[in-house]
């Protein structure tokens, strides 16, 4: 199955997304903001990134922009 990075500043949303996707057999990693997500993406390869838009430290739009610049 897919390796998925789920990014949301609300813990309950991260837990919900994790539970639903893991139940389908996916490997889910969570991050609470764009800064943490970007650091994880630099260390690991993900098939899919699901991100909230409004987050502290780095929003979802900035995160996607920076992810696209990674190899």
PDB file of N, CA and C in Angstrom:
ATOM      1  N   UNK A   1       0.825  -1.189   0.000  1.00  0.00           N
ATOM      2  CA  UNK A   1       0.000   0.000   0.000  1.00  0.00           C
ATOM      3  C   UNK A   1       0.871   1.256   0.000  1.00  0.00           C
ATOM      4  N   UNK A   2       0.233   2.404   0.082  1.00  0.00           N
ATOM      5  CA  UNK A   2       0.928   3.683  -0.042  1.00  0.00           C
ATOM      6  C   UNK A   2       1.518   4.162   1.282  1.00  0.00           C
ATOM      7  N   UNK A   3       2.591   4.928   1.150  1.00  0.00           N
ATOM      8  CA  UNK A   3       3.192   5.627   2.277  1.00  0.00           C
ATOM      9  C   UNK A   3       2.672   7.066   2.224  1.00  0.00           C
ATOM     10  N   UNK A   4       1.949   7.474   3.260  1.00  0.00           N
ATOM     11  CA  UNK A   4       1.230   8.751   3.244  1.00  0.00           C
ATOM     12  C   UNK A   4       1.687   9.635   4.400  1.00  0.00           C
ATOM     13  N   UNK A   5       1.896  10.911   4.092  1.00  0.00           N
ATOM     14  CA  UNK A   5       2.195  11.920   5.107  1.00  0.00           C
ATOM     15  C   UNK A   5       0.949  12.777   5.280  1.00  0.00           C
ATOM     16  N   UNK A   6       0.380  12.773   6.484  1.00  0.00           N
ATOM     17  CA  UNK A   6      -0.810  13.565   6.795  1.00  0.00           C
ATOM     18  C   UNK A   6      -0.399  14.728   7.697  1.00  0.00           C
ATOM     19  N   UNK A   7      -0.716  15.942   7.268  1.00  0.00           N
ATOM     20  CA  UNK A   7      -0.271  17.144   7.975  1.00  0.00           C
ATOM     21  C   UNK A   7      -1.474  17.974   8.397  1.00  0.00           C
ATOM     22  N   UNK A   8      -1.605  18.189   9.696  1.00  0.00           N
ATOM     23  CA  UNK A   8      -2.697  19.013  10.226  1.00  0.00           C
ATOM     24  C   UNK A   8      -2.304  19.484  11.615  1.00  0.00           C
ATOM     25  N   UNK A   9      -2.627  20.729  11.937  1.00  0.00           N
ATOM     26  CA  UNK A   9      -2.278  21.251  13.258  1.00  0.00           C
ATOM     27  C   UNK A   9      -3.227  20.763  14.351  1.00  0.00           C
ATOM     28  N   UNK A  10      -4.354  20.178  13.990  1.00  0.00           N
ATOM     29  CA  UNK A  10      -5.284  19.647  14.982  1.00  0.00           C
ATOM     30  C   UNK A  10      -5.044  18.156  15.181  1.00  0.00           C
ATOM     31  N   UNK A  11      -4.723  17.805  16.413  1.00  0.00           N
ATOM     32  CA  UNK A  11      -4.397  16.422  16.745  1.00  0.00           C
ATOM     33  C   UNK A  11      -5.530  15.465  16.384  1.00  0.00           C
ATOM     34  N   UNK A  12      -6.762  15.848  16.650  1.00  0.00           N
ATOM     35  CA  UNK A  12      -7.894  14.966  16.374  1.00  0.00           C
ATOM     36  C   UNK A  12      -7.997  14.657  14.874  1.00  0.00           C
ATOM     37  N   UNK A  13      -7.696  15.620  14.021  1.00  0.00           N
ATOM     38  CA  UNK A  13      -7.738  15.386  12.569  1.00  0.00           C
ATOM     39  C   UNK A  13      -6.615  14.445  12.141  1.00  0.00           C
ATOM     40  N   UNK A  14      -5.420  14.631  12.712  1.00  0.00           N
ATOM     41  CA  UNK A  14      -4.309  13.721  12.395  1.00  0.00           C
ATOM     42  C   UNK A  14      -4.661  12.301  12.799  1.00  0.00           C
ATOM     43  N   UNK A  15      -5.243  12.148  13.978  1.00  0.00           N
ATOM     44  CA  UNK A  15      -5.610  10.821  14.461  1.00  0.00           C
ATOM     45  C   UNK A  15      -6.701  10.190  13.599  1.00  0.00           C
ATOM     46  N   UNK A  16      -7.679  10.977  13.176  1.00  0.00           N
ATOM     47  CA  UNK A  16      -8.763  10.482  12.333  1.00  0.00           C
ATOM     48  C   UNK A  16      -8.243  10.017  10.975  1.00  0.00           C
ATOM     49  N   UNK A  17      -7.455  10.855  10.333  1.00  0.00           N
ATOM     50  CA  UNK A  17      -6.886  10.498   9.034  1.00  0.00           C
ATOM     51  C   UNK A  17      -6.006   9.254   9.165  1.00  0.00           C
ATOM     52  N   UNK A  18      -5.196   9.206  10.205  1.00  0.00           N
ATOM     53  CA  UNK A  18      -4.333   8.057  10.448  1.00  0.00           C
ATOM     54  C   UNK A  18      -5.164   6.790  10.610  1.00  0.00           C
ATOM     55  N   UNK A  19      -6.213   6.845  11.426  1.00  0.00           N
ATOM     56  CA  UNK A  19      -7.040   5.662  11.685  1.00  0.00           C
ATOM     57  C   UNK A  19      -7.702   5.146  10.416  1.00  0.00           C
ATOM     58  N   UNK A  20      -8.263   6.050   9.631  1.00  0.00           N
ATOM     59  CA  UNK A  20      -8.974   5.648   8.410  1.00  0.00           C
ATOM     60  C   UNK A  20      -8.011   5.051   7.392  1.00  0.00           C
ATOM     61  N   UNK A  21      -6.891   5.709   7.163  1.00  0.00           N
ATOM     62  CA  UNK A  21      -5.949   5.236   6.149  1.00  0.00           C
ATOM     63  C   UNK A  21      -5.203   3.975   6.595  1.00  0.00           C
ATOM     64  N   UNK A  22      -4.830   3.908   7.858  1.00  0.00           N
ATOM     65  CA  UNK A  22      -4.143   2.721   8.368  1.00  0.00           C
ATOM     66  C   UNK A  22      -5.063   1.499   8.314  1.00  0.00           C
ATOM     67  N   UNK A  23      -6.365   1.708   8.547  1.00  0.00           N
ATOM     68  CA  UNK A  23      -7.330   0.607   8.474  1.00  0.00           C
ATOM     69  C   UNK A  23      -7.414   0.025   7.062  1.00  0.00           C
ATOM     70  N   UNK A  24      -7.056   0.826   6.076  1.00  0.00           N
ATOM     71  CA  UNK A  24      -7.042   0.366   4.683  1.00  0.00           C
ATOM     72  C   UNK A  24      -5.683  -0.202   4.282  1.00  0.00           C
ATOM     73  N   UNK A  25      -4.766  -0.262   5.240  1.00  0.00           N
ATOM     74  CA  UNK A  25      -3.471  -0.879   4.995  1.00  0.00           C
ATOM     75  C   UNK A  25      -2.347   0.068   4.607  1.00  0.00           C
ATOM     76  N   UNK A  26      -2.604   1.359   4.645  1.00  0.00           N
ATOM     77  CA  UNK A  26      -1.571   2.331   4.282  1.00  0.00           C
ATOM     78  C   UNK A  26      -0.646   2.612   5.467  1.00  0.00           C
ATOM     79  N   UNK A  27       0.588   2.963   5.154  1.00  0.00           N
ATOM     80  CA  UNK A  27       1.557   3.381   6.164  1.00  0.00           C
ATOM     81  C   UNK A  27       1.421   4.891   6.304  1.00  0.00           C
ATOM     82  N   UNK A  28       0.995   5.362   7.473  1.00  0.00           N
ATOM     83  CA  UNK A  28       0.719   6.785   7.665  1.00  0.00           C
ATOM     84  C   UNK A  28       1.715   7.387   8.660  1.00  0.00           C
ATOM     85  N   UNK A  29       2.286   8.516   8.264  1.00  0.00           N
ATOM     86  CA  UNK A  29       3.130   9.327   9.130  1.00  0.00           C
ATOM     87  C   UNK A  29       2.417  10.656   9.289  1.00  0.00           C
ATOM     88  N   UNK A  30       2.422  11.217  10.498  1.00  0.00           N
ATOM     89  CA  UNK A  30       1.731  12.484  10.712  1.00  0.00           C
ATOM     90  C   UNK A  30       2.702  13.581  11.141  1.00  0.00           C
ATOM     91  N   UNK A  31       2.307  14.812  10.827  1.00  0.00           N
ATOM     92  CA  UNK A  31       3.065  16.003  11.232  1.00  0.00           C
ATOM     93  C   UNK A  31       2.069  17.079  11.622  1.00  0.00           C
ATOM     94  N   UNK A  32       2.460  17.937  12.572  1.00  0.00           N
ATOM     95  CA  UNK A  32       1.520  18.947  13.045  1.00  0.00           C
ATOM     96  C   UNK A  32       1.645  20.302  12.349  1.00  0.00           C
ATOM     97  N   UNK A  33       2.647  20.481  11.521  1.00  0.00           N
ATOM     98  CA  UNK A  33       2.742  21.710  10.734  1.00  0.00           C
ATOM     99  C   UNK A  33       3.672  21.484   9.545  1.00  0.00           C
ATOM    100  N   UNK A  34       3.755  22.483   8.700  1.00  0.00           N
ATOM    101  CA  UNK A  34       4.570  22.366   7.501  1.00  0.00           C
ATOM    102  C   UNK A  34       6.051  22.193   7.765  1.00  0.00           C
ATOM    103  N   UNK A  35       6.540  22.813   8.831  1.00  0.00           N
ATOM    104  CA  UNK A  35       7.964  22.701   9.165  1.00  0.00           C
ATOM    105  C   UNK A  35       8.314  21.247   9.487  1.00  0.00           C
ATOM    106  N   UNK A  36       7.510  20.619  10.325  1.00  0.00           N
ATOM    107  CA  UNK A  36       7.743  19.216  10.674  1.00  0.00           C
ATOM    108  C   UNK A  36       7.569  18.319   9.455  1.00  0.00           C
ATOM    109  N   UNK A  37       6.562  18.594   8.655  1.00  0.00           N
ATOM    110  CA  UNK A  37       6.308  17.784   7.455  1.00  0.00           C
ATOM    111  C   UNK A  37       7.469  17.866   6.469  1.00  0.00           C
ATOM    112  N   UNK A  38       7.995  19.057   6.269  1.00  0.00           N
ATOM    113  CA  UNK A  38       9.110  19.227   5.348  1.00  0.00           C
ATOM    114  C   UNK A  38      10.340  18.471   5.834  1.00  0.00           C
ATOM    115  N   UNK A  39      10.594  18.523   7.123  1.00  0.00           N
ATOM    116  CA  UNK A  39      11.726  17.779   7.689  1.00  0.00           C
ATOM    117  C   UNK A  39      11.539  16.276   7.467  1.00  0.00           C
ATOM    118  N   UNK A  40      10.327  15.778   7.664  1.00  0.00           N
ATOM    119  CA  UNK A  40      10.050  14.357   7.433  1.00  0.00           C
ATOM    120  C   UNK A  40      10.226  13.997   5.962  1.00  0.00           C
ATOM    121  N   UNK A  41       9.762  14.876   5.075  1.00  0.00           N
ATOM    122  CA  UNK A  41       9.862  14.617   3.635  1.00  0.00           C
ATOM    123  C   UNK A  41      11.311  14.613   3.159  1.00  0.00           C
ATOM    124  N   UNK A  42      12.160  15.332   3.836  1.00  0.00           N
ATOM    125  CA  UNK A  42      13.585  15.324   3.483  1.00  0.00           C
ATOM    126  C   UNK A  42      14.242  14.016   3.899  1.00  0.00           C
ATOM    127  N   UNK A  43      13.682  13.348   4.898  1.00  0.00           N
ATOM    128  CA  UNK A  43      14.243  12.102   5.430  1.00  0.00           C
ATOM    129  C   UNK A  43      13.633  10.847   4.791  1.00  0.00           C
ATOM    130  N   UNK A  44      12.360  10.945   4.381  1.00  0.00           N
ATOM    131  CA  UNK A  44      11.623   9.783   3.886  1.00  0.00           C
ATOM    132  C   UNK A  44      10.910  10.114   2.582  1.00  0.00           C
ATOM    133  N   UNK A  45      10.621   9.087   1.819  1.00  0.00           N
ATOM    134  CA  UNK A  45       9.874   9.251   0.583  1.00  0.00           C
ATOM    135  C   UNK A  45       8.402   8.895   0.840  1.00  0.00           C
ATOM    136  N   UNK A  46       7.484   9.739   0.389  1.00  0.00           N
ATOM    137  CA  UNK A  46       6.057   9.496   0.558  1.00  0.00           C
ATOM    138  C   UNK A  46       5.391   9.425  -0.810  1.00  0.00           C
ATOM    139  N   UNK A  47       4.386   8.560  -0.916  1.00  0.00           N
ATOM    140  CA  UNK A  47       3.610   8.449  -2.150  1.00  0.00           C
ATOM    141  C   UNK A  47       2.571   9.555  -2.253  1.00  0.00           C
ATOM    142  N   UNK A  48       2.118  10.032  -1.098  1.00  0.00           N
ATOM    143  CA  UNK A  48       1.046  11.030  -1.055  1.00  0.00           C
ATOM    144  C   UNK A  48       1.215  11.901   0.176  1.00  0.00           C
ATOM    145  N   UNK A  49       0.939  13.198   0.015  1.00  0.00           N
ATOM    146  CA  UNK A  49       0.921  14.119   1.149  1.00  0.00           C
ATOM    147  C   UNK A  49      -0.470  14.741   1.204  1.00  0.00           C
ATOM    148  N   UNK A  50      -1.128  14.598   2.358  1.00  0.00           N
ATOM    149  CA  UNK A  50      -2.413  15.248   2.609  1.00  0.00           C
ATOM    150  C   UNK A  50      -2.154  16.357   3.602  1.00  0.00           C
ATOM    151  N   UNK A  51      -2.500  17.589   3.231  1.00  0.00           N
ATOM    152  CA  UNK A  51      -2.157  18.714   4.095  1.00  0.00           C
ATOM    153  C   UNK A  51      -3.323  19.667   4.300  1.00  0.00           C
ATOM    154  N   UNK A  52      -3.438  20.130   5.528  1.00  0.00           N
ATOM    155  CA  UNK A  52      -4.322  21.232   5.868  1.00  0.00           C
ATOM    156  C   UNK A  52      -3.728  22.488   5.219  1.00  0.00           C
ATOM    157  N   UNK A  53      -4.544  23.484   4.995  1.00  0.00           N
ATOM    158  CA  UNK A  53      -4.053  24.741   4.421  1.00  0.00           C
ATOM    159  C   UNK A  53      -3.605  25.700   5.526  1.00  0.00           C
ATOM    160  N   UNK A  54      -4.472  25.924   6.499  1.00  0.00           N
ATOM    161  CA  UNK A  54      -4.199  26.892   7.570  1.00  0.00           C
ATOM    162  C   UNK A  54      -3.530  26.211   8.749  1.00  0.00           C
ATOM    163  N   UNK A  55      -2.222  26.440   8.886  1.00  0.00           N
ATOM    164  CA  UNK A  55      -1.443  25.876   9.988  1.00  0.00           C
ATOM    165  C   UNK A  55      -0.421  26.909  10.442  1.00  0.00           C
ATOM    166  N   UNK A  56      -0.013  26.835  11.704  1.00  0.00           N
ATOM    167  CA  UNK A  56       1.035  27.749  12.175  1.00  0.00           C
ATOM    168  C   UNK A  56       2.399  27.340  11.620  1.00  0.00           C
ATOM    169  N   UNK A  57       3.336  28.223  11.702  1.00  0.00           N
ATOM    170  CA  UNK A  57       4.744  28.020  11.312  1.00  0.00           C
ATOM    171  C   UNK A  57       4.953  27.926   9.805  1.00  0.00           C
ATOM    172  N   UNK A  58       4.226  27.068   9.117  1.00  0.00           N
ATOM    173  CA  UNK A  58       4.281  26.998   7.659  1.00  0.00           C
ATOM    174  C   UNK A  58       2.943  26.444   7.183  1.00  0.00           C
ATOM    175  N   UNK A  59       2.239  27.213   6.365  1.00  0.00           N
ATOM    176  CA  UNK A  59       0.925  26.751   5.914  1.00  0.00           C
ATOM    177  C   UNK A  59       1.043  25.703   4.800  1.00  0.00           C
ATOM    178  N   UNK A  60      -0.081  25.132   4.429  1.00  0.00           N
ATOM    179  CA  UNK A  60      -0.100  24.064   3.435  1.00  0.00           C
ATOM    180  C   UNK A  60       0.375  24.494   2.059  1.00  0.00           C
ATOM    181  N   UNK A  61       0.073  25.712   1.661  1.00  0.00           N
ATOM    182  CA  UNK A  61       0.506  26.210   0.350  1.00  0.00           C
ATOM    183  C   UNK A  61       2.027  26.311   0.298  1.00  0.00           C
ATOM    184  N   UNK A  62       2.621  26.884   1.333  1.00  0.00           N
ATOM    185  CA  UNK A  62       4.087  26.990   1.393  1.00  0.00           C
ATOM    186  C   UNK A  62       4.722  25.608   1.442  1.00  0.00           C
ATOM    187  N   UNK A  63       4.109  24.701   2.195  1.00  0.00           N
ATOM    188  CA  UNK A  63       4.629  23.338   2.278  1.00  0.00           C
ATOM    189  C   UNK A  63       4.672  22.686   0.905  1.00  0.00           C
ATOM    190  N   UNK A  64       3.582  22.751   0.171  1.00  0.00           N
ATOM    191  CA  UNK A  64       3.544  22.125  -1.152  1.00  0.00           C
ATOM    192  C   UNK A  64       4.582  22.753  -2.074  1.00  0.00           C
ATOM    193  N   UNK A  65       4.725  24.059  -2.007  1.00  0.00           N
ATOM    194  CA  UNK A  65       5.722  24.743  -2.825  1.00  0.00           C
ATOM    195  C   UNK A  65       7.128  24.224  -2.521  1.00  0.00           C
ATOM    196  N   UNK A  66       7.445  24.059  -1.252  1.00  0.00           N
ATOM    197  CA  UNK A  66       8.772  23.564  -0.860  1.00  0.00           C
ATOM    198  C   UNK A  66       8.944  22.072  -1.165  1.00  0.00           C
ATOM    199  N   UNK A  67       7.879  21.300  -1.041  1.00  0.00           N
ATOM    200  CA  UNK A  67       7.960  19.872  -1.366  1.00  0.00           C
ATOM    201  C   UNK A  67       8.260  19.666  -2.847  1.00  0.00           C
ATOM    202  N   UNK A  68       7.695  20.496  -3.687  1.00  0.00           N
ATOM    203  CA  UNK A  68       7.916  20.376  -5.133  1.00  0.00           C
ATOM    204  C   UNK A  68       9.359  20.637  -5.528  1.00  0.00           C
ATOM    205  N   UNK A  69      10.091  21.348  -4.683  1.00  0.00           N
ATOM    206  CA  UNK A  69      11.504  21.640  -4.970  1.00  0.00           C
ATOM    207  C   UNK A  69      12.443  20.524  -4.528  1.00  0.00           C
ATOM    208  N   UNK A  70      11.929  19.569  -3.741  1.00  0.00           N
ATOM    209  CA  UNK A  70      12.762  18.452  -3.296  1.00  0.00           C
ATOM    210  C   UNK A  70      13.001  17.467  -4.434  1.00  0.00           C
ATOM    211  N   UNK A  71      14.103  16.750  -4.368  1.00  0.00           N
ATOM    212  CA  UNK A  71      14.382  15.714  -5.367  1.00  0.00           C
ATOM    213  C   UNK A  71      13.441  14.553  -5.208  1.00  0.00           C
TER     214      UNK A  71
END
